[in-house]
Amino acid sequence: MEERATTVGGFSLREGRHPAGSALPWHTHPGPTLCFVYAGAFTENFAGATLECTPGTVKITPAGEPHWNRFGREDTHGLLVEADASRVESLGEYATVLGERASFRDEGLAVLAWRVAGELRRRDTAAPLAIEGLLLELLAGAARERELRLTGTLPRWLAEARNHLHDPGQVGSLSELATAVGVHPVTLARGFRKAYGCSVGAYLRSLRVARAARELAETDAPLAEIALAAGFADQSHFSNVFRRETGLSPSAFRRAVRTR
């Protein structure tokens, strides 16, 4: 069931909900698609394999690949983005990530997808430009994740640093993180930005926003409780950062993604 749809710079975006227990029969898309799950869950079946998509999942399906979907016990709310042939061609070598099936559970990519949802609701004259920029940033992030998976050449300390960031409450400062992984803070800061495309602080902020977004989508917990659990100093700080990162206040985000 479609809720919002628009076309921006060769990308077609459809945001919609699918009823609990429903299914989409075998089908294909003319162009490569990127799917993001806001709430609910579904299983995608393709070529004798399955893929479980839960809240926060970013999934890429190549053009023309047959697949069918079974939705879970709750209504599923998500975003589907399809690139047309001219847009894929214009991306050149950067379109490689769209030519292979892949799925990501990366908080940075999730925040970008939620920001796309926020721009879809704004509907002002700047929204199309903002949406196109966010989609390109999302593809760049997916391409970077793909490259890291293929090369596997990250220094051990860099992978350890990222794992520490994913453990709430374990990071107090850049110096503490550098000490924990055995390198100088300057080495950590430079290496992290080169590998992941952002600073340690920006990555941690995205993690916290993504954790909070999942709680908002899946639970009825109070905002103050969600803020503290995600690592924010207080509800006011949480609300300001969340609005800046996603384009929506925590309350508006919860209303937008919750399915009944």
C-alpha atoms as a PDB file:
ATOM      1  CA  MET A   1       0.000   0.000   0.000  1.00  0.00           C
ATOM      2  CA  GLU A   2       1.698   3.187  -1.172  1.00  0.00           C
ATOM      3  CA  GLU A   3       1.775   6.317   1.002  1.00  0.00           C
ATOM      4  CA  ARG A   4       4.207   8.713  -0.637  1.00  0.00           C
ATOM      5  CA  ALA A   5       5.911   8.688  -4.017  1.00  0.00           C
ATOM      6  CA  THR A   6       8.168  11.068  -5.905  1.00  0.00           C
ATOM      7  CA  THR A   7      10.858  11.101  -8.592  1.00  0.00           C
ATOM      8  CA  VAL A   8      14.118  12.944  -8.029  1.00  0.00           C
ATOM      9  CA  GLY A   9      17.105  13.029 -10.384  1.00  0.00           C
ATOM     10  CA  GLY A  10      16.466   9.622 -11.931  1.00  0.00           C
ATOM     11  CA  PHE A  11      15.493   7.993  -8.631  1.00  0.00           C
ATOM     12  CA  SER A  12      11.889   6.886  -8.010  1.00  0.00           C
ATOM     13  CA  LEU A  13      10.966   6.777  -4.322  1.00  0.00           C
ATOM     14  CA  ARG A  14       7.951   4.974  -2.890  1.00  0.00           C
ATOM     15  CA  GLU A  15       7.239   4.926   0.822  1.00  0.00           C
ATOM     16  CA  GLY A  16       4.519   2.538   1.922  1.00  0.00           C
ATOM     17  CA  ARG A  17       3.109  -0.052   4.286  1.00  0.00           C
ATOM     18  CA  HIS A  18       2.298  -3.723   3.770  1.00  0.00           C
ATOM     19  CA  PRO A  19      -0.265  -5.503   5.979  1.00  0.00           C
ATOM     20  CA  ALA A  20       0.916  -8.130   8.443  1.00  0.00           C
ATOM     21  CA  GLY A  21       1.015 -11.618   6.934  1.00  0.00           C
ATOM     22  CA  SER A  22       0.647 -10.406   3.359  1.00  0.00           C
ATOM     23  CA  ALA A  23       2.929 -11.317   0.460  1.00  0.00           C
ATOM     24  CA  LEU A  24       4.142  -9.964  -2.869  1.00  0.00           C
ATOM     25  CA  PRO A  25       4.341 -12.680  -5.573  1.00  0.00           C
ATOM     26  CA  TRP A  26       7.366 -13.180  -7.800  1.00  0.00           C
ATOM     27  CA  HIS A  27       8.273  -9.907  -9.503  1.00  0.00           C
ATOM     28  CA  THR A  28      11.191  -7.883 -10.849  1.00  0.00           C
ATOM     29  CA  HIS A  29      12.138  -4.208 -11.120  1.00  0.00           C
ATOM     30  CA  PRO A  30      13.490  -2.684 -14.355  1.00  0.00           C
ATOM     31  CA  GLY A  31      16.159  -0.791 -12.420  1.00  0.00           C
ATOM     32  CA  PRO A  32      18.266  -1.607  -9.369  1.00  0.00           C
ATOM     33  CA  THR A  33      16.462  -0.963  -6.095  1.00  0.00           C
ATOM     34  CA  LEU A  34      17.440   0.073  -2.620  1.00  0.00           C
ATOM     35  CA  CYS A  35      15.009  -0.839   0.157  1.00  0.00           C
ATOM     36  CA  PHE A  36      15.018   0.401   3.745  1.00  0.00           C
ATOM     37  CA  VAL A  37      12.830  -0.983   6.542  1.00  0.00           C
ATOM     38  CA  TYR A  38      11.469   1.576   9.003  1.00  0.00           C
ATOM     39  CA  ALA A  39       9.313  -0.788  11.053  1.00  0.00           C
ATOM     40  CA  GLY A  40       8.060  -4.365  10.862  1.00  0.00           C
ATOM     41  CA  ALA A  41       9.950  -7.065   8.983  1.00  0.00           C
ATOM     42  CA  PHE A  42       9.823  -9.237   5.867  1.00  0.00           C
ATOM     43  CA  THR A  43      11.551 -12.169   4.251  1.00  0.00           C
ATOM     44  CA  GLU A  44      12.760 -11.858   0.663  1.00  0.00           C
ATOM     45  CA  ASN A  45      13.083 -15.046  -1.386  1.00  0.00           C
ATOM     46  CA  PHE A  46      15.305 -15.198  -4.470  1.00  0.00           C
ATOM     47  CA  ALA A  47      17.185 -17.850  -6.457  1.00  0.00           C
ATOM     48  CA  GLY A  48      16.746 -20.536  -3.817  1.00  0.00           C
ATOM     49  CA  ALA A  49      17.895 -18.284  -0.957  1.00  0.00           C
ATOM     50  CA  THR A  50      16.232 -16.011   1.608  1.00  0.00           C
ATOM     51  CA  LEU A  51      17.095 -12.710   3.244  1.00  0.00           C
ATOM     52  CA  GLU A  52      15.582 -11.466   6.517  1.00  0.00           C
ATOM     53  CA  CYS A  53      14.955  -7.713   6.546  1.00  0.00           C
ATOM     54  CA  THR A  54      14.325  -6.115   9.948  1.00  0.00           C
ATOM     55  CA  PRO A  55      14.114  -2.453  11.052  1.00  0.00           C
ATOM     56  CA  GLY A  56      17.271  -0.610  10.036  1.00  0.00           C
ATOM     57  CA  THR A  57      18.139  -2.972   7.159  1.00  0.00           C
ATOM     58  CA  VAL A  58      19.304  -1.429   3.878  1.00  0.00           C
ATOM     59  CA  LYS A  59      18.920  -3.897   0.988  1.00  0.00           C
ATOM     60  CA  ILE A  60      20.103  -3.611  -2.621  1.00  0.00           C
ATOM     61  CA  THR A  61      18.555  -5.746  -5.374  1.00  0.00           C
ATOM     62  CA  PRO A  62      20.038  -5.690  -8.904  1.00  0.00           C
ATOM     63  CA  ALA A  63      17.879  -4.756 -11.892  1.00  0.00           C
ATOM     64  CA  GLY A  64      15.717  -7.584 -13.236  1.00  0.00           C
ATOM     65  CA  GLU A  65      16.351 -10.072 -10.402  1.00  0.00           C
ATOM     66  CA  PRO A  66      13.201 -12.146  -9.647  1.00  0.00           C
ATOM     67  CA  HIS A  67      12.140 -12.224  -5.975  1.00  0.00           C
ATOM     68  CA  TRP A  68       9.080 -12.435  -3.756  1.00  0.00           C
ATOM     69  CA  ASN A  69       8.345 -11.096  -0.277  1.00  0.00           C
ATOM     70  CA  ARG A  70       6.503 -12.385   2.794  1.00  0.00           C
ATOM     71  CA  PHE A  71       5.698  -9.795   5.474  1.00  0.00           C
ATOM     72  CA  GLY A  72       5.849 -10.528   9.190  1.00  0.00           C
ATOM     73  CA  ARG A  73       3.397 -10.509  12.087  1.00  0.00           C
ATOM     74  CA  GLU A  74       3.171  -6.714  12.128  1.00  0.00           C
ATOM     75  CA  ASP A  75       2.548  -4.232   9.353  1.00  0.00           C
ATOM     76  CA  THR A  76       5.777  -3.385   7.557  1.00  0.00           C
ATOM     77  CA  HIS A  77       6.664   0.225   6.772  1.00  0.00           C
ATOM     78  CA  GLY A  78       9.505   0.908   4.389  1.00  0.00           C
ATOM     79  CA  LEU A  79      11.081   2.934   1.599  1.00  0.00           C
ATOM     80  CA  LEU A  80      11.817   1.631  -1.904  1.00  0.00           C
ATOM     81  CA  VAL A  81      14.159   3.569  -4.198  1.00  0.00           C
ATOM     82  CA  GLU A  82      14.635   2.563  -7.852  1.00  0.00           C
ATOM     83  CA  ALA A  83      17.250   4.059 -10.169  1.00  0.00           C
ATOM     84  CA  ASP A  84      16.417   4.415 -13.848  1.00  0.00           C
ATOM     85  CA  ALA A  85      18.849   3.444 -16.614  1.00  0.00           C
ATOM     86  CA  SER A  86      20.063   6.998 -17.272  1.00  0.00           C
ATOM     87  CA  ARG A  87      20.856   7.556 -13.599  1.00  0.00           C
ATOM     88  CA  VAL A  88      22.761   4.281 -13.339  1.00  0.00           C
ATOM     89  CA  GLU A  89      24.760   5.209 -16.432  1.00  0.00           C
ATOM     90  CA  SER A  90      25.572   8.647 -15.033  1.00  0.00           C
ATOM     91  CA  LEU A  91      27.000   7.052 -11.876  1.00  0.00           C
ATOM     92  CA  GLY A  92      29.634   5.243 -13.959  1.00  0.00           C
ATOM     93  CA  GLU A  93      31.948   3.057 -11.903  1.00  0.00           C
ATOM     94  CA  TYR A  94      30.132   4.139  -8.742  1.00  0.00           C
ATOM     95  CA  ALA A  95      27.086   2.159  -9.871  1.00  0.00           C
ATOM     96  CA  THR A  96      28.913  -1.123  -9.194  1.00  0.00           C
ATOM     97  CA  VAL A  97      27.301  -1.389  -5.769  1.00  0.00           C
ATOM     98  CA  LEU A  98      23.878  -1.413  -7.462  1.00  0.00           C
ATOM     99  CA  GLY A  99      24.787  -4.388  -9.647  1.00  0.00           C
ATOM    100  CA  GLU A 100      25.124  -6.896  -6.813  1.00  0.00           C
ATOM    101  CA  ARG A 101      22.680  -8.107  -4.187  1.00  0.00           C
ATOM    102  CA  ALA A 102      23.683  -6.889  -0.739  1.00  0.00           C
ATOM    103  CA  SER A 103      22.229  -6.026   2.642  1.00  0.00           C
ATOM    104  CA  PHE A 104      23.625  -3.796   5.366  1.00  0.00           C
ATOM    105  CA  ARG A 105      22.886  -3.255   9.049  1.00  0.00           C
ATOM    106  CA  ASP A 106      24.865  -0.062   9.392  1.00  0.00           C
ATOM    107  CA  GLU A 107      23.665   2.728  11.658  1.00  0.00           C
ATOM    108  CA  GLY A 108      25.172   5.451   9.499  1.00  0.00           C
ATOM    109  CA  LEU A 109      23.256   4.234   6.449  1.00  0.00           C
ATOM    110  CA  ALA A 110      20.096   3.917   8.543  1.00  0.00           C
ATOM    111  CA  VAL A 111      20.283   7.543   9.647  1.00  0.00           C
ATOM    112  CA  LEU A 112      20.628   8.656   6.017  1.00  0.00           C
ATOM    113  CA  ALA A 113      17.543   6.628   5.056  1.00  0.00           C
ATOM    114  CA  TRP A 114      15.532   8.122   7.917  1.00  0.00           C
ATOM    115  CA  ARG A 115      16.608  11.584   6.787  1.00  0.00           C
ATOM    116  CA  VAL A 116      15.252  10.780   3.311  1.00  0.00           C
ATOM    117  CA  ALA A 117      11.913  10.006   4.976  1.00  0.00           C
ATOM    118  CA  GLY A 118      12.021  13.362   6.719  1.00  0.00           C
ATOM    119  CA  GLU A 119      12.622  15.180   3.450  1.00  0.00           C
ATOM    120  CA  LEU A 120       9.737  13.316   1.790  1.00  0.00           C
ATOM    121  CA  ARG A 121       7.449  14.874   4.373  1.00  0.00           C
ATOM    122  CA  ARG A 122       8.825  18.406   4.107  1.00  0.00           C
ATOM    123  CA  ARG A 123       7.733  18.869   0.478  1.00  0.00           C
ATOM    124  CA  ASP A 124       9.357  22.310   0.177  1.00  0.00           C
ATOM    125  CA  THR A 125      11.311  23.502  -2.858  1.00  0.00           C
ATOM    126  CA  ALA A 126      14.627  22.353  -1.392  1.00  0.00           C
ATOM    127  CA  ALA A 127      13.448  18.806  -0.608  1.00  0.00           C
ATOM    128  CA  PRO A 128      14.257  17.280  -4.051  1.00  0.00           C
ATOM    129  CA  LEU A 129      17.839  18.551  -3.889  1.00  0.00           C
ATOM    130  CA  ALA A 130      18.209  17.307  -0.313  1.00  0.00           C
ATOM    131  CA  ILE A 131      16.772  13.887  -1.214  1.00  0.00           C
ATOM    132  CA  GLU A 132      19.092  13.428  -4.192  1.00  0.00           C
ATOM    133  CA  GLY A 133      22.108  14.369  -2.084  1.00  0.00           C
ATOM    134  CA  LEU A 134      21.116  11.945   0.677  1.00  0.00           C
ATOM    135  CA  LEU A 135      20.585   9.101  -1.811  1.00  0.00           C
ATOM    136  CA  LEU A 136      24.028   9.645  -3.327  1.00  0.00           C
ATOM    137  CA  GLU A 137      25.517   9.718   0.172  1.00  0.00           C
ATOM    138  CA  LEU A 138      23.672   6.495   0.967  1.00  0.00           C
ATOM    139  CA  LEU A 139      25.048   4.804  -2.143  1.00  0.00           C
ATOM    140  CA  ALA A 140      28.536   6.047  -1.304  1.00  0.00           C
ATOM    141  CA  GLY A 141      28.238   4.568   2.184  1.00  0.00           C
ATOM    142  CA  ALA A 142      27.026   1.245   0.793  1.00  0.00           C
ATOM    143  CA  ALA A 143      29.902   1.238  -1.723  1.00  0.00           C
ATOM    144  CA  ARG A 144      32.379   1.866   1.073  1.00  0.00           C
ATOM    145  CA  GLU A 145      30.922  -0.980   3.158  1.00  0.00           C
ATOM    146  CA  ARG A 146      31.104  -3.268   0.121  1.00  0.00           C
ATOM    147  CA  GLU A 147      34.745  -2.357  -0.486  1.00  0.00           C
ATOM    148  CA  LEU A 148      35.651  -3.001   3.140  1.00  0.00           C
ATOM    149  CA  ARG A 149      33.993  -6.417   2.972  1.00  0.00           C
ATOM    150  CA  LEU A 150      35.847  -7.328  -0.218  1.00  0.00           C
ATOM    151  CA  THR A 151      39.303  -6.138   0.756  1.00  0.00           C
ATOM    152  CA  GLY A 152      39.287  -7.043   4.445  1.00  0.00           C
ATOM    153  CA  THR A 153      42.440  -4.960   4.834  1.00  0.00           C
ATOM    154  CA  LEU A 154      41.434  -2.822   7.814  1.00  0.00           C
ATOM    155  CA  PRO A 155      44.021  -2.728  10.597  1.00  0.00           C
ATOM    156  CA  ARG A 156      42.986  -4.806  13.584  1.00  0.00           C
ATOM    157  CA  TRP A 157      42.936  -1.741  15.847  1.00  0.00           C
ATOM    158  CA  LEU A 158      40.562   0.100  13.520  1.00  0.00           C
ATOM    159  CA  ALA A 159      38.051  -2.747  13.493  1.00  0.00           C
ATOM    160  CA  GLU A 160      38.350  -2.969  17.273  1.00  0.00           C
ATOM    161  CA  ALA A 161      37.701   0.766  17.615  1.00  0.00           C
ATOM    162  CA  ARG A 162      34.522   0.471  15.592  1.00  0.00           C
ATOM    163  CA  ASN A 163      33.380  -2.462  17.716  1.00  0.00           C
ATOM    164  CA  HIS A 164      33.939  -0.419  20.880  1.00  0.00           C
ATOM    165  CA  LEU A 165      31.705   2.318  19.480  1.00  0.00           C
ATOM    166  CA  HIS A 166      28.932  -0.224  18.971  1.00  0.00           C
ATOM    167  CA  ASP A 167      29.010  -1.095  22.679  1.00  0.00           C
ATOM    168  CA  PRO A 168      26.967   1.589  24.507  1.00  0.00           C
ATOM    169  CA  GLY A 169      28.656   3.149  27.499  1.00  0.00           C
ATOM    170  CA  GLN A 170      32.155   1.870  26.674  1.00  0.00           C
ATOM    171  CA  VAL A 171      33.562   5.044  25.088  1.00  0.00           C
ATOM    172  CA  GLY A 172      34.229   8.169  27.137  1.00  0.00           C
ATOM    173  CA  SER A 173      36.596  10.077  24.860  1.00  0.00           C
ATOM    174  CA  LEU A 174      38.778   9.747  21.778  1.00  0.00           C
ATOM    175  CA  SER A 175      41.842   9.334  23.994  1.00  0.00           C
ATOM    176  CA  GLU A 176      40.213   6.505  25.942  1.00  0.00           C
ATOM    177  CA  LEU A 177      39.228   4.769  22.722  1.00  0.00           C
ATOM    178  CA  ALA A 178      42.755   5.161  21.307  1.00  0.00           C
ATOM    179  CA  THR A 179      44.254   3.736  24.500  1.00  0.00           C
ATOM    180  CA  ALA A 180      41.831   0.802  24.402  1.00  0.00           C
ATOM    181  CA  VAL A 181      42.980  -0.198  20.903  1.00  0.00           C
ATOM    182  CA  GLY A 182      46.643   0.662  21.413  1.00  0.00           C
ATOM    183  CA  VAL A 183      47.252   3.579  19.052  1.00  0.00           C
ATOM    184  CA  HIS A 184      47.799   7.341  19.307  1.00  0.00           C
ATOM    185  CA  PRO A 185      44.596   9.468  19.190  1.00  0.00           C
ATOM    186  CA  VAL A 186      45.830  11.237  16.042  1.00  0.00           C
ATOM    187  CA  THR A 187      46.406   7.876  14.320  1.00  0.00           C
ATOM    188  CA  LEU A 188      42.936   6.751  15.309  1.00  0.00           C
ATOM    189  CA  ALA A 189      41.257   9.961  14.152  1.00  0.00           C
ATOM    190  CA  ARG A 190      42.975   9.939  10.752  1.00  0.00           C
ATOM    191  CA  GLY A 191      42.560   6.214  10.143  1.00  0.00           C
ATOM    192  CA  PHE A 192      38.908   6.194  11.156  1.00  0.00           C
ATOM    193  CA  ARG A 193      37.960   9.071   8.859  1.00  0.00           C
ATOM    194  CA  LYS A 194      39.834   7.493   5.929  1.00  0.00           C
ATOM    195  CA  ALA A 195      38.146   4.095   6.408  1.00  0.00           C
ATOM    196  CA  TYR A 196      34.620   5.170   7.311  1.00  0.00           C
ATOM    197  CA  GLY A 197      34.288   8.615   5.763  1.00  0.00           C
ATOM    198  CA  CYS A 198      33.493  10.494   8.976  1.00  0.00           C
ATOM    199  CA  SER A 199      34.993  11.396  12.323  1.00  0.00           C
ATOM    200  CA  VAL A 200      34.769   9.131  15.368  1.00  0.00           C
ATOM    201  CA  GLY A 201      32.388  11.624  16.977  1.00  0.00           C
ATOM    202  CA  ALA A 202      30.081  11.777  13.961  1.00  0.00           C
ATOM    203  CA  TYR A 203      30.000   7.983  13.751  1.00  0.00           C
ATOM    204  CA  LEU A 204      29.140   7.672  17.445  1.00  0.00           C
ATOM    205  CA  ARG A 205      26.409  10.288  17.088  1.00  0.00           C
ATOM    206  CA  SER A 206      24.891   8.347  14.188  1.00  0.00           C
ATOM    207  CA  LEU A 207      24.988   5.161  16.266  1.00  0.00           C
ATOM    208  CA  ARG A 208      23.119   6.841  19.101  1.00  0.00           C
ATOM    209  CA  VAL A 209      20.494   8.302  16.771  1.00  0.00           C
ATOM    210  CA  ALA A 210      19.999   4.928  15.080  1.00  0.00           C
ATOM    211  CA  ARG A 211      19.611   3.148  18.435  1.00  0.00           C
ATOM    212  CA  ALA A 212      17.066   5.713  19.520  1.00  0.00           C
ATOM    213  CA  ALA A 213      15.227   5.476  16.192  1.00  0.00           C
ATOM    214  CA  ARG A 214      14.855   1.706  16.594  1.00  0.00           C
ATOM    215  CA  GLU A 215      13.441   2.171  20.086  1.00  0.00           C
ATOM    216  CA  LEU A 216      11.024   4.832  18.865  1.00  0.00           C
ATOM    217  CA  ALA A 217       9.840   2.563  16.056  1.00  0.00           C
ATOM    218  CA  GLU A 218       9.531  -0.629  18.081  1.00  0.00           C
ATOM    219  CA  THR A 219       8.627   0.366  21.657  1.00  0.00           C
ATOM    220  CA  ASP A 220       6.451   2.739  23.680  1.00  0.00           C
ATOM    221  CA  ALA A 221       9.299   3.708  26.025  1.00  0.00           C
ATOM    222  CA  PRO A 222       9.321   7.370  27.187  1.00  0.00           C
ATOM    223  CA  LEU A 223      11.578   9.746  25.293  1.00  0.00           C
ATOM    224  CA  ALA A 224      13.693  10.474  28.376  1.00  0.00           C
ATOM    225  CA  GLU A 225      14.344   6.758  28.877  1.00  0.00           C
ATOM    226  CA  ILE A 226      15.272   6.280  25.212  1.00  0.00           C
ATOM    227  CA  ALA A 227      17.595   9.283  25.330  1.00  0.00           C
ATOM    228  CA  LEU A 228      19.565   8.002  28.315  1.00  0.00           C
ATOM    229  CA  ALA A 229      19.740   4.430  26.996  1.00  0.00           C
ATOM    230  CA  ALA A 230      21.126   5.678  23.674  1.00  0.00           C
ATOM    231  CA  GLY A 231      23.854   7.701  25.386  1.00  0.00           C
ATOM    232  CA  PHE A 232      22.481  11.257  25.298  1.00  0.00           C
ATOM    233  CA  ALA A 233      22.955  13.593  28.269  1.00  0.00           C
ATOM    234  CA  ASP A 234      19.254  14.411  28.556  1.00  0.00           C
ATOM    235  CA  GLN A 235      16.008  14.523  26.566  1.00  0.00           C
ATOM    236  CA  SER A 236      16.611  18.069  25.305  1.00  0.00           C
ATOM    237  CA  HIS A 237      20.036  17.170  23.897  1.00  0.00           C
ATOM    238  CA  PHE A 238      18.557  14.018  22.365  1.00  0.00           C
ATOM    239  CA  SER A 239      15.699  15.907  20.689  1.00  0.00           C
ATOM    240  CA  ASN A 240      18.017  18.528  19.194  1.00  0.00           C
ATOM    241  CA  VAL A 241      20.489  15.987  17.791  1.00  0.00           C
ATOM    242  CA  PHE A 242      17.755  13.651  16.540  1.00  0.00           C
ATOM    243  CA  ARG A 243      15.982  16.455  14.677  1.00  0.00           C
ATOM    244  CA  ARG A 244      19.274  17.615  13.140  1.00  0.00           C
ATOM    245  CA  GLU A 245      20.191  14.095  11.975  1.00  0.00           C
ATOM    246  CA  THR A 246      16.798  12.882  10.732  1.00  0.00           C
ATOM    247  CA  GLY A 247      14.813  16.042   9.974  1.00  0.00           C
ATOM    248  CA  LEU A 248      12.092  15.003  12.447  1.00  0.00           C
ATOM    249  CA  SER A 249      11.589  15.404  16.177  1.00  0.00           C
ATOM    250  CA  PRO A 250      11.576  12.107  18.123  1.00  0.00           C
ATOM    251  CA  SER A 251       7.801  12.372  18.639  1.00  0.00           C
ATOM    252  CA  ALA A 252       7.121  13.119  14.964  1.00  0.00           C
ATOM    253  CA  PHE A 253       9.414  10.269  13.927  1.00  0.00           C
ATOM    254  CA  ARG A 254       7.570   7.830  16.193  1.00  0.00           C
ATOM    255  CA  ARG A 255       4.208   8.885  14.743  1.00  0.00           C
ATOM    256  CA  ALA A 256       5.556   8.557  11.199  1.00  0.00           C
ATOM    257  CA  VAL A 257       7.041   5.076  11.428  1.00  0.00           C
ATOM    258  CA  ARG A 258       4.803   3.294  13.901  1.00  0.00           C
ATOM    259  CA  THR A 259       2.294   0.939  12.292  1.00  0.00           C
ATOM    260  CA  ARG A 260      -0.973  -0.011  13.920  1.00  0.00           C
END
